PDB file of N, CA and C in Angstrom:
ATOM      1  N   UNK A   1      21.298  37.856  41.218  1.00  0.00           N
ATOM      2  CA  UNK A   1      20.468  37.183  40.229  1.00  0.00           C
ATOM      3  C   UNK A   1      19.006  37.564  40.457  1.00  0.00           C
ATOM      4  N   UNK A   2      18.330  37.926  39.427  1.00  0.00           N
ATOM      5  CA  UNK A   2      16.969  38.430  39.548  1.00  0.00           C
ATOM      6  C   UNK A   2      15.982  37.337  39.917  1.00  0.00           C
ATOM      7  N   UNK A   3      16.303  36.093  39.587  1.00  0.00           N
ATOM      8  CA  UNK A   3      15.358  35.002  39.840  1.00  0.00           C
ATOM      9  C   UNK A   3      15.811  34.129  41.005  1.00  0.00           C
ATOM     10  N   UNK A   4      16.500  34.701  41.983  1.00  0.00           N
ATOM     11  CA  UNK A   4      17.066  33.924  43.082  1.00  0.00           C
ATOM     12  C   UNK A   4      16.011  33.124  43.836  1.00  0.00           C
ATOM     13  N   UNK A   5      14.821  33.653  44.004  1.00  0.00           N
ATOM     14  CA  UNK A   5      13.799  32.943  44.756  1.00  0.00           C
ATOM     15  C   UNK A   5      13.016  31.933  43.934  1.00  0.00           C
ATOM     16  N   UNK A   6      13.123  31.992  42.624  1.00  0.00           N
ATOM     17  CA  UNK A   6      12.314  31.128  41.764  1.00  0.00           C
ATOM     18  C   UNK A   6      13.220  30.143  41.028  1.00  0.00           C
ATOM     19  N   UNK A   7      13.231  28.899  41.466  1.00  0.00           N
ATOM     20  CA  UNK A   7      14.131  27.910  40.858  1.00  0.00           C
ATOM     21  C   UNK A   7      13.647  27.464  39.489  1.00  0.00           C
ATOM     22  N   UNK A   8      12.372  27.653  39.197  1.00  0.00           N
ATOM     23  CA  UNK A   8      11.836  27.235  37.899  1.00  0.00           C
ATOM     24  C   UNK A   8      12.018  28.278  36.808  1.00  0.00           C
ATOM     25  N   UNK A   9      12.434  29.477  37.169  1.00  0.00           N
ATOM     26  CA  UNK A   9      12.484  30.571  36.202  1.00  0.00           C
ATOM     27  C   UNK A   9      13.423  30.272  35.037  1.00  0.00           C
ATOM     28  N   UNK A  10      14.576  29.687  35.292  1.00  0.00           N
ATOM     29  CA  UNK A  10      15.517  29.415  34.203  1.00  0.00           C
ATOM     30  C   UNK A  10      14.944  28.384  33.240  1.00  0.00           C
ATOM     31  N   UNK A  11      14.285  27.381  33.788  1.00  0.00           N
ATOM     32  CA  UNK A  11      13.670  26.361  32.935  1.00  0.00           C
ATOM     33  C   UNK A  11      12.567  26.983  32.073  1.00  0.00           C
ATOM     34  N   UNK A  12      11.734  27.790  32.690  1.00  0.00           N
ATOM     35  CA  UNK A  12      10.628  28.419  31.973  1.00  0.00           C
ATOM     36  C   UNK A  12      11.170  29.329  30.876  1.00  0.00           C
ATOM     37  N   UNK A  13      12.254  30.051  31.164  1.00  0.00           N
ATOM     38  CA  UNK A  13      12.821  30.967  30.179  1.00  0.00           C
ATOM     39  C   UNK A  13      13.332  30.231  28.939  1.00  0.00           C
ATOM     40  N   UNK A  14      13.757  28.983  29.082  1.00  0.00           N
ATOM     41  CA  UNK A  14      14.309  28.251  27.945  1.00  0.00           C
ATOM     42  C   UNK A  14      13.244  27.551  27.105  1.00  0.00           C
ATOM     43  N   UNK A  15      12.049  27.450  27.596  1.00  0.00           N
ATOM     44  CA  UNK A  15      10.998  26.759  26.843  1.00  0.00           C
ATOM     45  C   UNK A  15      10.324  27.734  25.888  1.00  0.00           C
ATOM     46  N   UNK A  16       9.844  27.230  24.756  1.00  0.00           N
ATOM     47  CA  UNK A  16       9.124  28.140  23.857  1.00  0.00           C
ATOM     48  C   UNK A  16       7.810  28.569  24.499  1.00  0.00           C
ATOM     49  N   UNK A  17       7.320  29.693  24.077  1.00  0.00           N
ATOM     50  CA  UNK A  17       6.025  30.151  24.583  1.00  0.00           C
ATOM     51  C   UNK A  17       4.976  29.099  24.240  1.00  0.00           C
ATOM     52  N   UNK A  18       4.076  28.834  25.146  1.00  0.00           N
ATOM     53  CA  UNK A  18       3.091  27.766  24.939  1.00  0.00           C
ATOM     54  C   UNK A  18       2.295  27.982  23.663  1.00  0.00           C
ATOM     55  N   UNK A  19       1.915  29.211  23.393  1.00  0.00           N
ATOM     56  CA  UNK A  19       1.132  29.497  22.192  1.00  0.00           C
ATOM     57  C   UNK A  19       1.890  29.202  20.918  1.00  0.00           C
ATOM     58  N   UNK A  20       3.166  29.591  20.865  1.00  0.00           N
ATOM     59  CA  UNK A  20       3.931  29.383  19.631  1.00  0.00           C
ATOM     60  C   UNK A  20       4.158  27.895  19.397  1.00  0.00           C
ATOM     61  N   UNK A  21       4.424  27.141  20.459  1.00  0.00           N
ATOM     62  CA  UNK A  21       4.622  25.701  20.294  1.00  0.00           C
ATOM     63  C   UNK A  21       3.342  25.046  19.789  1.00  0.00           C
ATOM     64  N   UNK A  22       2.215  25.440  20.359  1.00  0.00           N
ATOM     65  CA  UNK A  22       0.946  24.854  19.933  1.00  0.00           C
ATOM     66  C   UNK A  22       0.646  25.186  18.481  1.00  0.00           C
ATOM     67  N   UNK A  23       0.945  26.410  18.066  1.00  0.00           N
ATOM     68  CA  UNK A  23       0.716  26.785  16.671  1.00  0.00           C
ATOM     69  C   UNK A  23       1.590  25.956  15.749  1.00  0.00           C
ATOM     70  N   UNK A  24       2.855  25.781  16.103  1.00  0.00           N
ATOM     71  CA  UNK A  24       3.769  24.982  15.288  1.00  0.00           C
ATOM     72  C   UNK A  24       3.276  23.542  15.203  1.00  0.00           C
ATOM     73  N   UNK A  25       2.914  22.990  16.347  1.00  0.00           N
ATOM     74  CA  UNK A  25       2.471  21.590  16.391  1.00  0.00           C
ATOM     75  C   UNK A  25       1.182  21.405  15.597  1.00  0.00           C
ATOM     76  N   UNK A  26       0.255  22.333  15.755  1.00  0.00           N
ATOM     77  CA  UNK A  26      -0.998  22.241  14.991  1.00  0.00           C
ATOM     78  C   UNK A  26      -0.743  22.317  13.501  1.00  0.00           C
ATOM     79  N   UNK A  27       0.142  23.218  13.077  1.00  0.00           N
ATOM     80  CA  UNK A  27       0.454  23.357  11.653  1.00  0.00           C
ATOM     81  C   UNK A  27       1.092  22.075  11.120  1.00  0.00           C
ATOM     82  N   UNK A  28       2.005  21.498  11.899  1.00  0.00           N
ATOM     83  CA  UNK A  28       2.674  20.261  11.491  1.00  0.00           C
ATOM     84  C   UNK A  28       1.671  19.119  11.346  1.00  0.00           C
ATOM     85  N   UNK A  29       0.789  18.993  12.311  1.00  0.00           N
ATOM     86  CA  UNK A  29      -0.215  17.931  12.258  1.00  0.00           C
ATOM     87  C   UNK A  29      -1.200  18.145  11.116  1.00  0.00           C
ATOM     88  N   UNK A  30      -1.601  19.395  10.907  1.00  0.00           N
ATOM     89  CA  UNK A  30      -2.537  19.699   9.821  1.00  0.00           C
ATOM     90  C   UNK A  30      -1.911  19.382   8.461  1.00  0.00           C
ATOM     91  N   UNK A  31      -0.633  19.707   8.295  1.00  0.00           N
ATOM     92  CA  UNK A  31       0.065  19.414   7.037  1.00  0.00           C
ATOM     93  C   UNK A  31       0.154  17.911   6.819  1.00  0.00           C
ATOM     94  N   UNK A  32       0.481  17.167   7.869  1.00  0.00           N
ATOM     95  CA  UNK A  32       0.574  15.711   7.750  1.00  0.00           C
ATOM     96  C   UNK A  32      -0.785  15.113   7.390  1.00  0.00           C
ATOM     97  N   UNK A  33      -1.841  15.608   8.009  1.00  0.00           N
ATOM     98  CA  UNK A  33      -3.185  15.110   7.718  1.00  0.00           C
ATOM     99  C   UNK A  33      -3.577  15.425   6.277  1.00  0.00           C
ATOM    100  N   UNK A  34      -3.267  16.641   5.818  1.00  0.00           N
ATOM    101  CA  UNK A  34      -3.593  17.018   4.446  1.00  0.00           C
ATOM    102  C   UNK A  34      -2.873  16.106   3.451  1.00  0.00           C
ATOM    103  N   UNK A  35      -1.594  15.832   3.714  1.00  0.00           N
ATOM    104  CA  UNK A  35      -0.844  14.936   2.821  1.00  0.00           C
ATOM    105  C   UNK A  35      -1.471  13.553   2.778  1.00  0.00           C
ATOM    106  N   UNK A  36      -1.837  13.051   3.955  1.00  0.00           N
ATOM    107  CA  UNK A  36      -2.449  11.716   4.011  1.00  0.00           C
ATOM    108  C   UNK A  36      -3.766  11.682   3.259  1.00  0.00           C
ATOM    109  N   UNK A  37      -4.569  12.713   3.436  1.00  0.00           N
ATOM    110  CA  UNK A  37      -5.844  12.778   2.719  1.00  0.00           C
ATOM    111  C   UNK A  37      -5.624  12.833   1.213  1.00  0.00           C
ATOM    112  N   UNK A  38      -4.648  13.629   0.777  1.00  0.00           N
ATOM    113  CA  UNK A  38      -4.354  13.714  -0.656  1.00  0.00           C
ATOM    114  C   UNK A  38      -3.941  12.354  -1.208  1.00  0.00           C
ATOM    115  N   UNK A  39      -3.103  11.636  -0.458  1.00  0.00           N
ATOM    116  CA  UNK A  39      -2.670  10.304  -0.898  1.00  0.00           C
ATOM    117  C   UNK A  39      -3.855   9.351  -1.007  1.00  0.00           C
ATOM    118  N   UNK A  40      -4.729   9.390  -0.008  1.00  0.00           N
ATOM    119  CA  UNK A  40      -5.901   8.501  -0.029  1.00  0.00           C
ATOM    120  C   UNK A  40      -6.826   8.819  -1.194  1.00  0.00           C
ATOM    121  N   UNK A  41      -7.013  10.097  -1.497  1.00  0.00           N
ATOM    122  CA  UNK A  41      -7.868  10.487  -2.624  1.00  0.00           C
ATOM    123  C   UNK A  41      -7.293   9.930  -3.919  1.00  0.00           C
ATOM    124  N   UNK A  42      -5.986  10.083  -4.103  1.00  0.00           N
ATOM    125  CA  UNK A  42      -5.336   9.569  -5.314  1.00  0.00           C
ATOM    126  C   UNK A  42      -5.486   8.050  -5.390  1.00  0.00           C
ATOM    127  N   UNK A  43      -5.290   7.359  -4.262  1.00  0.00           N
ATOM    128  CA  UNK A  43      -5.434   5.894  -4.241  1.00  0.00           C
ATOM    129  C   UNK A  43      -6.849   5.480  -4.628  1.00  0.00           C
ATOM    130  N   UNK A  44      -7.841   6.165  -4.086  1.00  0.00           N
ATOM    131  CA  UNK A  44      -9.232   5.822  -4.396  1.00  0.00           C
ATOM    132  C   UNK A  44      -9.537   6.050  -5.875  1.00  0.00           C
ATOM    133  N   UNK A  45      -9.041   7.155  -6.412  1.00  0.00           N
ATOM    134  CA  UNK A  45      -9.307   7.437  -7.831  1.00  0.00           C
ATOM    135  C   UNK A  45      -8.632   6.416  -8.737  1.00  0.00           C
ATOM    136  N   UNK A  46      -7.409   6.012  -8.404  1.00  0.00           N
ATOM    137  CA  UNK A  46      -6.723   4.975  -9.194  1.00  0.00           C
ATOM    138  C   UNK A  46      -7.482   3.659  -9.124  1.00  0.00           C
ATOM    139  N   UNK A  47      -7.910   3.301  -7.922  1.00  0.00           N
ATOM    140  CA  UNK A  47      -8.655   2.050  -7.755  1.00  0.00           C
ATOM    141  C   UNK A  47      -9.964   2.109  -8.535  1.00  0.00           C
ATOM    142  N   UNK A  48     -10.599   3.276  -8.571  1.00  0.00           N
ATOM    143  CA  UNK A  48     -11.847   3.424  -9.329  1.00  0.00           C
ATOM    144  C   UNK A  48     -11.594   3.226 -10.819  1.00  0.00           C
ATOM    145  N   UNK A  49     -10.490   3.784 -11.317  1.00  0.00           N
ATOM    146  CA  UNK A  49     -10.160   3.586 -12.742  1.00  0.00           C
ATOM    147  C   UNK A  49      -9.911   2.114 -13.049  1.00  0.00           C
ATOM    148  N   UNK A  50      -9.192   1.436 -12.155  1.00  0.00           N
ATOM    149  CA  UNK A  50      -8.927  -0.002 -12.371  1.00  0.00           C
ATOM    150  C   UNK A  50     -10.221  -0.804 -12.333  1.00  0.00           C
ATOM    151  N   UNK A  51     -11.095  -0.474 -11.389  1.00  0.00           N
ATOM    152  CA  UNK A  51     -12.369  -1.192 -11.282  1.00  0.00           C
ATOM    153  C   UNK A  51     -13.218  -0.965 -12.528  1.00  0.00           C
ATOM    154  N   UNK A  52     -13.240   0.262 -13.011  1.00  0.00           N
ATOM    155  CA  UNK A  52     -14.016   0.558 -14.220  1.00  0.00           C
ATOM    156  C   UNK A  52     -13.452  -0.210 -15.416  1.00  0.00           C
ATOM    157  N   UNK A  53     -12.130  -0.314 -15.494  1.00  0.00           N
ATOM    158  CA  UNK A  53     -11.492  -1.049 -16.596  1.00  0.00           C
ATOM    159  C   UNK A  53     -11.839  -2.537 -16.535  1.00  0.00           C
ATOM    160  N   UNK A  54     -12.055  -3.052 -15.326  1.00  0.00           N
ATOM    161  CA  UNK A  54     -12.438  -4.468 -15.169  1.00  0.00           C
ATOM    162  C   UNK A  54     -13.937  -4.673 -15.344  1.00  0.00           C
ATOM    163  N   UNK A  55     -14.666  -3.605 -15.531  1.00  0.00           N
ATOM    164  CA  UNK A  55     -16.108  -3.720 -15.710  1.00  0.00           C
ATOM    165  C   UNK A  55     -16.891  -3.714 -14.410  1.00  0.00           C
ATOM    166  N   UNK A  56     -16.270  -3.300 -13.319  1.00  0.00           N
ATOM    167  CA  UNK A  56     -16.948  -3.253 -12.015  1.00  0.00           C
ATOM    168  C   UNK A  56     -17.451  -1.825 -11.770  1.00  0.00           C
ATOM    169  N   UNK A  57     -18.528  -1.491 -12.447  1.00  0.00           N
ATOM    170  CA  UNK A  57     -19.035  -0.115 -12.402  1.00  0.00           C
ATOM    171  C   UNK A  57     -19.486   0.292 -10.998  1.00  0.00           C
ATOM    172  N   UNK A  58     -20.147  -0.620 -10.281  1.00  0.00           N
ATOM    173  CA  UNK A  58     -20.634  -0.269  -8.933  1.00  0.00           C
ATOM    174  C   UNK A  58     -19.477   0.027  -7.996  1.00  0.00           C
ATOM    175  N   UNK A  59     -18.456  -0.816  -8.056  1.00  0.00           N
ATOM    176  CA  UNK A  59     -17.280  -0.598  -7.198  1.00  0.00           C
ATOM    177  C   UNK A  59     -16.595   0.716  -7.572  1.00  0.00           C
ATOM    178  N   UNK A  60     -16.504   0.998  -8.862  1.00  0.00           N
ATOM    179  CA  UNK A  60     -15.878   2.246  -9.307  1.00  0.00           C
ATOM    180  C   UNK A  60     -16.647   3.451  -8.775  1.00  0.00           C
ATOM    181  N   UNK A  61     -17.971   3.384  -8.825  1.00  0.00           N
ATOM    182  CA  UNK A  61     -18.783   4.494  -8.300  1.00  0.00           C
ATOM    183  C   UNK A  61     -18.582   4.669  -6.797  1.00  0.00           C
ATOM    184  N   UNK A  62     -18.516   3.543  -6.079  1.00  0.00           N
ATOM    185  CA  UNK A  62     -18.314   3.612  -4.628  1.00  0.00           C
ATOM    186  C   UNK A  62     -16.954   4.236  -4.304  1.00  0.00           C
ATOM    187  N   UNK A  63     -15.927   3.860  -5.056  1.00  0.00           N
ATOM    188  CA  UNK A  63     -14.595   4.419  -4.820  1.00  0.00           C
ATOM    189  C   UNK A  63     -14.542   5.904  -5.166  1.00  0.00           C
ATOM    190  N   UNK A  64     -15.214   6.285  -6.243  1.00  0.00           N
ATOM    191  CA  UNK A  64     -15.248   7.705  -6.608  1.00  0.00           C
ATOM    192  C   UNK A  64     -16.000   8.517  -5.551  1.00  0.00           C
ATOM    193  N   UNK A  65     -17.068   7.934  -5.009  1.00  0.00           N
ATOM    194  CA  UNK A  65     -17.821   8.617  -3.951  1.00  0.00           C
ATOM    195  C   UNK A  65     -16.955   8.778  -2.701  1.00  0.00           C
ATOM    196  N   UNK A  66     -16.185   7.746  -2.375  1.00  0.00           N
ATOM    197  CA  UNK A  66     -15.291   7.831  -1.213  1.00  0.00           C
ATOM    198  C   UNK A  66     -14.235   8.911  -1.432  1.00  0.00           C
ATOM    199  N   UNK A  67     -13.696   8.982  -2.651  1.00  0.00           N
ATOM    200  CA  UNK A  67     -12.709  10.024  -2.959  1.00  0.00           C
ATOM    201  C   UNK A  67     -13.340  11.408  -2.835  1.00  0.00           C
ATOM    202  N   UNK A  68     -14.583  11.545  -3.268  1.00  0.00           N
ATOM    203  CA  UNK A  68     -15.277  12.832  -3.162  1.00  0.00           C
ATOM    204  C   UNK A  68     -15.497  13.215  -1.696  1.00  0.00           C
ATOM    205  N   UNK A  69     -15.833  12.234  -0.850  1.00  0.00           N
ATOM    206  CA  UNK A  69     -16.014  12.518   0.582  1.00  0.00           C
ATOM    207  C   UNK A  69     -14.700  12.980   1.212  1.00  0.00           C
ATOM    208  N   UNK A  70     -13.596  12.323   0.838  1.00  0.00           N
ATOM    209  CA  UNK A  70     -12.297  12.731   1.372  1.00  0.00           C
ATOM    210  C   UNK A  70     -11.929  14.136   0.894  1.00  0.00           C
ATOM    211  N   UNK A  71     -12.241  14.432  -0.364  1.00  0.00           N
ATOM    212  CA  UNK A  71     -11.961  15.771  -0.894  1.00  0.00           C
ATOM    213  C   UNK A  71     -12.787  16.817  -0.145  1.00  0.00           C
ATOM    214  N   UNK A  72     -14.013  16.468   0.219  1.00  0.00           N
ATOM    215  CA  UNK A  72     -14.856  17.390   0.989  1.00  0.00           C
ATOM    216  C   UNK A  72     -14.255  17.634   2.374  1.00  0.00           C
ATOM    217  N   UNK A  73     -13.659  16.605   2.968  1.00  0.00           N
ATOM    218  CA  UNK A  73     -12.998  16.775   4.266  1.00  0.00           C
ATOM    219  C   UNK A  73     -11.852  17.775   4.163  1.00  0.00           C
ATOM    220  N   UNK A  74     -11.135  17.724   3.055  1.00  0.00           N
ATOM    221  CA  UNK A  74     -10.005  18.644   2.882  1.00  0.00           C
ATOM    222  C   UNK A  74     -10.472  20.084   2.772  1.00  0.00           C
ATOM    223  N   UNK A  75     -11.646  20.293   2.204  1.00  0.00           N
ATOM    224  CA  UNK A  75     -12.154  21.664   2.051  1.00  0.00           C
ATOM    225  C   UNK A  75     -12.576  22.262   3.386  1.00  0.00           C
ATOM    226  N   UNK A  76     -12.933  21.415   4.333  1.00  0.00           N
ATOM    227  CA  UNK A  76     -13.384  21.919   5.647  1.00  0.00           C
ATOM    228  C   UNK A  76     -12.248  22.469   6.469  1.00  0.00           C
TER     229      UNK A  76
END
């Protein structure tokens, strides 16, 4: 056996390369964050429309501004 002196070699051989795992994990987290941001933007825009319909112009503007800030985060 080529790895007779190294007891950790078999374990190391079965694990994914550290770089590939990190890339996968980062992509998964980034996708989840993007989805959450998209949901929040939609929620803010809906709330702004409801506020405007109730005549709460200031609240509608604040919600639209918050949605714009979240959209800016997505562009970064």
